[in-house]
Amino acid sequence: MPHTAHRCSHGSIGARPWASCLCIPPYQLRGDAHAAYAQNLKALPAYYERVAQGDIPTVFRGVRLSPDDQLRRHVIMQLMCSFHLDKDAVSTRFGMDFDDVFADTWRRLAPLEADGLLIRTDDALHVQPPGRLLIRSIARAFDAYWGHAAAPVHAATV
């Protein structure tokens, strides 16, 4: 499934604070509406037909996000856009203890940390320059659905 780039809400990335961030999230379906993802029709003729009929063609299918989905989306977007994650800010924003909620994630990230792709501190996660090339693999550790599908649903990292 093709992914679409969009501007992140925080506007810039740490490595280039003067530049706007364009993110390609791992499971964005073509636009979001805070608590949902929606996908347009893929074929232009079908899209134009819906327009001609007076229908709104921008929502072909969608999924409503649970509070946990919204939390994980935020974490993944922060990592993919800024290569940095402030655990305290996430805990405050979502009213939870980051280390408790993501305890299993730290175990999955340990090999990547050992390889020097990221640095974990008490209050943050910092993706190192070599890790930026594999940011999808790092972000995937926070995806609750990865590995649970009957067939692969994401593009391979490498």
C-alpha atoms as a PDB file:
ATOM      1  CA  MET A   1       0.000   0.000   0.000  1.00  0.00           C
ATOM      2  CA  PRO A   2       1.497   3.376  -0.902  1.00  0.00           C
ATOM      3  CA  HIS A   3       2.224   5.803   1.886  1.00  0.00           C
ATOM      4  CA  THR A   4       1.739   9.552   1.726  1.00  0.00           C
ATOM      5  CA  ALA A   5       4.016  12.181   3.193  1.00  0.00           C
ATOM      6  CA  HIS A   6       2.598  14.952   5.322  1.00  0.00           C
ATOM      7  CA  ARG A   7       3.909  17.693   7.569  1.00  0.00           C
ATOM      8  CA  CYS A   8       4.342  16.729  11.205  1.00  0.00           C
ATOM      9  CA  SER A   9       2.514  18.754  13.842  1.00  0.00           C
ATOM     10  CA  HIS A  10       5.735  19.854  15.551  1.00  0.00           C
ATOM     11  CA  GLY A  11       7.045  21.273  12.271  1.00  0.00           C
ATOM     12  CA  SER A  12      10.745  20.460  12.308  1.00  0.00           C
ATOM     13  CA  ILE A  13      13.309  17.818  13.092  1.00  0.00           C
ATOM     14  CA  GLY A  14      16.202  18.025  15.518  1.00  0.00           C
ATOM     15  CA  ALA A  15      18.894  17.330  12.924  1.00  0.00           C
ATOM     16  CA  ARG A  16      17.675  20.220  10.757  1.00  0.00           C
ATOM     17  CA  PRO A  17      15.661  22.620  12.956  1.00  0.00           C
ATOM     18  CA  TRP A  18      15.229  25.044  10.043  1.00  0.00           C
ATOM     19  CA  ALA A  19      13.558  22.457   7.808  1.00  0.00           C
ATOM     20  CA  SER A  20       9.991  21.277   7.782  1.00  0.00           C
ATOM     21  CA  CYS A  21       9.499  17.608   8.445  1.00  0.00           C
ATOM     22  CA  LEU A  22       7.800  15.359   5.939  1.00  0.00           C
ATOM     23  CA  CYS A  23       6.880  12.062   7.508  1.00  0.00           C
ATOM     24  CA  ILE A  24       5.945   8.769   5.955  1.00  0.00           C
ATOM     25  CA  PRO A  25       4.363   6.881   8.845  1.00  0.00           C
ATOM     26  CA  PRO A  26       4.466   3.098   8.827  1.00  0.00           C
ATOM     27  CA  TYR A  27       0.738   2.584   8.724  1.00  0.00           C
ATOM     28  CA  GLN A  28      -0.794   5.829   7.532  1.00  0.00           C
ATOM     29  CA  LEU A  29      -3.554   5.163   5.035  1.00  0.00           C
ATOM     30  CA  ARG A  30      -3.748   8.621   3.362  1.00  0.00           C
ATOM     31  CA  GLY A  31      -4.711  11.227   5.876  1.00  0.00           C
ATOM     32  CA  ASP A  32      -5.846  11.221   9.452  1.00  0.00           C
ATOM     33  CA  ALA A  33      -8.629  12.787  11.447  1.00  0.00           C
ATOM     34  CA  HIS A  34      -7.211  12.703  14.982  1.00  0.00           C
ATOM     35  CA  ALA A  35      -8.900   9.492  16.107  1.00  0.00           C
ATOM     36  CA  ALA A  36      -9.124   7.739  12.746  1.00  0.00           C
ATOM     37  CA  TYR A  37      -7.297   6.963   9.539  1.00  0.00           C
ATOM     38  CA  ALA A  38      -9.054   7.174   6.197  1.00  0.00           C
ATOM     39  CA  GLN A  39      -8.061   6.122   2.688  1.00  0.00           C
ATOM     40  CA  ASN A  40      -9.106   7.644  -0.626  1.00  0.00           C
ATOM     41  CA  LEU A  41     -10.180   5.585  -3.578  1.00  0.00           C
ATOM     42  CA  LYS A  42      -7.028   4.476  -5.396  1.00  0.00           C
ATOM     43  CA  ALA A  43      -8.275   4.485  -9.005  1.00  0.00           C
ATOM     44  CA  LEU A  44      -8.910   7.915 -10.495  1.00  0.00           C
ATOM     45  CA  PRO A  45     -11.898   6.830 -12.635  1.00  0.00           C
ATOM     46  CA  ALA A  46     -13.719   5.561  -9.538  1.00  0.00           C
ATOM     47  CA  TYR A  47     -12.764   8.742  -7.670  1.00  0.00           C
ATOM     48  CA  TYR A  48     -14.135  10.951 -10.465  1.00  0.00           C
ATOM     49  CA  GLU A  49     -17.303   8.847 -10.685  1.00  0.00           C
ATOM     50  CA  ARG A  50     -17.982   9.413  -6.974  1.00  0.00           C
ATOM     51  CA  VAL A  51     -17.425  13.153  -7.443  1.00  0.00           C
ATOM     52  CA  ALA A  52     -19.829  13.204 -10.387  1.00  0.00           C
ATOM     53  CA  GLN A  53     -22.446  11.444  -8.229  1.00  0.00           C
ATOM     54  CA  GLY A  54     -22.068  14.105  -5.558  1.00  0.00           C
ATOM     55  CA  ASP A  55     -20.439  11.711  -3.083  1.00  0.00           C
ATOM     56  CA  ILE A  56     -17.411  12.543  -0.995  1.00  0.00           C
ATOM     57  CA  PRO A  57     -14.655  10.430  -2.563  1.00  0.00           C
ATOM     58  CA  THR A  58     -12.088  11.075   0.125  1.00  0.00           C
ATOM     59  CA  VAL A  59     -13.197   8.265   2.402  1.00  0.00           C
ATOM     60  CA  PHE A  60     -13.082   4.887   0.726  1.00  0.00           C
ATOM     61  CA  ARG A  61     -12.430   3.017   3.952  1.00  0.00           C
ATOM     62  CA  GLY A  62     -11.125   3.847   7.376  1.00  0.00           C
ATOM     63  CA  VAL A  63     -10.426   2.709  10.872  1.00  0.00           C
ATOM     64  CA  ARG A  64     -11.236   4.329  14.211  1.00  0.00           C
ATOM     65  CA  LEU A  65      -8.221   4.519  16.520  1.00  0.00           C
ATOM     66  CA  SER A  66      -8.365   3.366  20.123  1.00  0.00           C
ATOM     67  CA  PRO A  67      -6.632   5.495  22.800  1.00  0.00           C
ATOM     68  CA  ASP A  68      -3.723   3.020  22.672  1.00  0.00           C
ATOM     69  CA  ASP A  69      -3.563   3.387  18.865  1.00  0.00           C
ATOM     70  CA  GLN A  70      -3.436   7.174  19.257  1.00  0.00           C
ATOM     71  CA  LEU A  71      -0.631   6.920  21.825  1.00  0.00           C
ATOM     72  CA  ARG A  72       1.406   4.598  19.619  1.00  0.00           C
ATOM     73  CA  ARG A  73       0.757   6.745  16.534  1.00  0.00           C
ATOM     74  CA  HIS A  74       2.104   9.770  18.412  1.00  0.00           C
ATOM     75  CA  VAL A  75       5.223   7.902  19.572  1.00  0.00           C
ATOM     76  CA  ILE A  76       5.924   6.495  16.098  1.00  0.00           C
ATOM     77  CA  MET A  77       5.377   9.884  14.444  1.00  0.00           C
ATOM     78  CA  GLN A  78       7.728  11.594  16.907  1.00  0.00           C
ATOM     79  CA  LEU A  79      10.445   9.051  16.240  1.00  0.00           C
ATOM     80  CA  MET A  80      10.043   9.089  12.473  1.00  0.00           C
ATOM     81  CA  CYS A  81       9.885  12.885  12.217  1.00  0.00           C
ATOM     82  CA  SER A  82      12.411  14.060  14.797  1.00  0.00           C
ATOM     83  CA  PHE A  83      14.483  10.945  15.551  1.00  0.00           C
ATOM     84  CA  HIS A  84      13.929  11.827  19.217  1.00  0.00           C
ATOM     85  CA  LEU A  85      11.292  10.907  21.768  1.00  0.00           C
ATOM     86  CA  ASP A  86      10.726  12.767  25.042  1.00  0.00           C
ATOM     87  CA  LYS A  87       9.261  10.110  27.355  1.00  0.00           C
ATOM     88  CA  ASP A  88       8.114  12.632  29.979  1.00  0.00           C
ATOM     89  CA  ALA A  89       6.252  14.718  27.398  1.00  0.00           C
ATOM     90  CA  VAL A  90       4.471  11.609  26.103  1.00  0.00           C
ATOM     91  CA  SER A  91       3.621  10.500  29.653  1.00  0.00           C
ATOM     92  CA  THR A  92       2.175  13.927  30.444  1.00  0.00           C
ATOM     93  CA  ARG A  93       0.238  14.244  27.191  1.00  0.00           C
ATOM     94  CA  PHE A  94      -1.388  10.794  27.493  1.00  0.00           C
ATOM     95  CA  GLY A  95      -1.637  10.527  31.293  1.00  0.00           C
ATOM     96  CA  MET A  96       0.396   7.349  31.619  1.00  0.00           C
ATOM     97  CA  ASP A  97       3.795   6.052  32.702  1.00  0.00           C
ATOM     98  CA  PHE A  98       5.816   5.622  29.521  1.00  0.00           C
ATOM     99  CA  ASP A  99       8.181   2.982  30.922  1.00  0.00           C
ATOM    100  CA  ASP A 100       5.314   0.867  32.254  1.00  0.00           C
ATOM    101  CA  VAL A 101       3.271   0.981  29.054  1.00  0.00           C
ATOM    102  CA  PHE A 102       6.257   0.284  26.797  1.00  0.00           C
ATOM    103  CA  ALA A 103       8.223  -2.142  29.003  1.00  0.00           C
ATOM    104  CA  ASP A 104       8.070  -4.892  26.352  1.00  0.00           C
ATOM    105  CA  THR A 105       9.185  -2.414  23.677  1.00  0.00           C
ATOM    106  CA  TRP A 106      12.471  -1.727  25.467  1.00  0.00           C
ATOM    107  CA  ARG A 107      13.307  -5.433  25.230  1.00  0.00           C
ATOM    108  CA  ARG A 108      12.699  -5.352  21.466  1.00  0.00           C
ATOM    109  CA  LEU A 109      14.877  -2.245  21.109  1.00  0.00           C
ATOM    110  CA  ALA A 110      17.805  -3.664  23.101  1.00  0.00           C
ATOM    111  CA  PRO A 111      19.574  -5.250  20.069  1.00  0.00           C
ATOM    112  CA  LEU A 112      19.240  -1.989  18.115  1.00  0.00           C
ATOM    113  CA  GLU A 113      20.620  -0.065  21.068  1.00  0.00           C
ATOM    114  CA  ALA A 114      23.539  -2.530  21.339  1.00  0.00           C
ATOM    115  CA  ASP A 115      24.286  -1.910  17.644  1.00  0.00           C
ATOM    116  CA  GLY A 116      24.536   1.847  18.277  1.00  0.00           C
ATOM    117  CA  LEU A 117      21.399   2.756  16.335  1.00  0.00           C
ATOM    118  CA  LEU A 118      19.786   4.523  19.274  1.00  0.00           C
ATOM    119  CA  ILE A 119      20.553   5.780  22.766  1.00  0.00           C
ATOM    120  CA  ARG A 120      18.055   5.404  25.580  1.00  0.00           C
ATOM    121  CA  THR A 121      18.256   7.705  28.590  1.00  0.00           C
ATOM    122  CA  ASP A 122      15.983   7.985  31.618  1.00  0.00           C
ATOM    123  CA  ASP A 123      13.896  10.663  29.927  1.00  0.00           C
ATOM    124  CA  ALA A 124      14.333  10.192  26.184  1.00  0.00           C
ATOM    125  CA  LEU A 125      15.132   8.017  23.204  1.00  0.00           C
ATOM    126  CA  HIS A 126      17.621   9.423  20.684  1.00  0.00           C
ATOM    127  CA  VAL A 127      18.031   7.838  17.259  1.00  0.00           C
ATOM    128  CA  GLN A 128      21.663   8.036  16.153  1.00  0.00           C
ATOM    129  CA  PRO A 129      22.644   8.886  12.544  1.00  0.00           C
ATOM    130  CA  PRO A 130      23.114   5.211  11.528  1.00  0.00           C
ATOM    131  CA  GLY A 131      19.699   4.441  13.059  1.00  0.00           C
ATOM    132  CA  ARG A 132      18.006   7.056  10.892  1.00  0.00           C
ATOM    133  CA  LEU A 133      18.492   4.781   7.914  1.00  0.00           C
ATOM    134  CA  LEU A 134      16.571   2.067   9.794  1.00  0.00           C
ATOM    135  CA  ILE A 135      13.997   4.299  11.494  1.00  0.00           C
ATOM    136  CA  ARG A 136      11.147   2.042  10.352  1.00  0.00           C
ATOM    137  CA  SER A 137      12.697  -0.874  12.258  1.00  0.00           C
ATOM    138  CA  ILE A 138      13.047   1.261  15.374  1.00  0.00           C
ATOM    139  CA  ALA A 139       9.515   2.674  15.134  1.00  0.00           C
ATOM    140  CA  ARG A 140       8.114  -0.798  14.432  1.00  0.00           C
ATOM    141  CA  ALA A 141       8.985  -1.807  17.996  1.00  0.00           C
ATOM    142  CA  PHE A 142       6.190   0.520  19.170  1.00  0.00           C
ATOM    143  CA  ASP A 143       3.605  -0.855  16.711  1.00  0.00           C
ATOM    144  CA  ALA A 144       1.132  -3.041  18.622  1.00  0.00           C
ATOM    145  CA  TYR A 145      -0.015  -4.745  15.424  1.00  0.00           C
ATOM    146  CA  TRP A 146       3.350  -5.644  13.931  1.00  0.00           C
ATOM    147  CA  GLY A 147       3.842  -9.398  13.852  1.00  0.00           C
ATOM    148  CA  HIS A 148       0.213 -10.161  14.659  1.00  0.00           C
ATOM    149  CA  ALA A 149      -1.133 -10.155  11.102  1.00  0.00           C
ATOM    150  CA  ALA A 150      -1.608 -13.424   9.216  1.00  0.00           C
ATOM    151  CA  ALA A 151       0.449 -12.020   6.339  1.00  0.00           C
ATOM    152  CA  PRO A 152       2.935  -9.138   6.217  1.00  0.00           C
ATOM    153  CA  VAL A 153       1.142  -5.813   5.871  1.00  0.00           C
ATOM    154  CA  HIS A 154       4.112  -3.441   5.685  1.00  0.00           C
ATOM    155  CA  ALA A 155       6.927  -3.006   3.216  1.00  0.00           C
ATOM    156  CA  ALA A 156      10.216  -4.626   4.165  1.00  0.00           C
ATOM    157  CA  THR A 157      12.769  -2.271   5.710  1.00  0.00           C
ATOM    158  CA  VAL A 158      15.718  -3.400   3.658  1.00  0.00           C
END
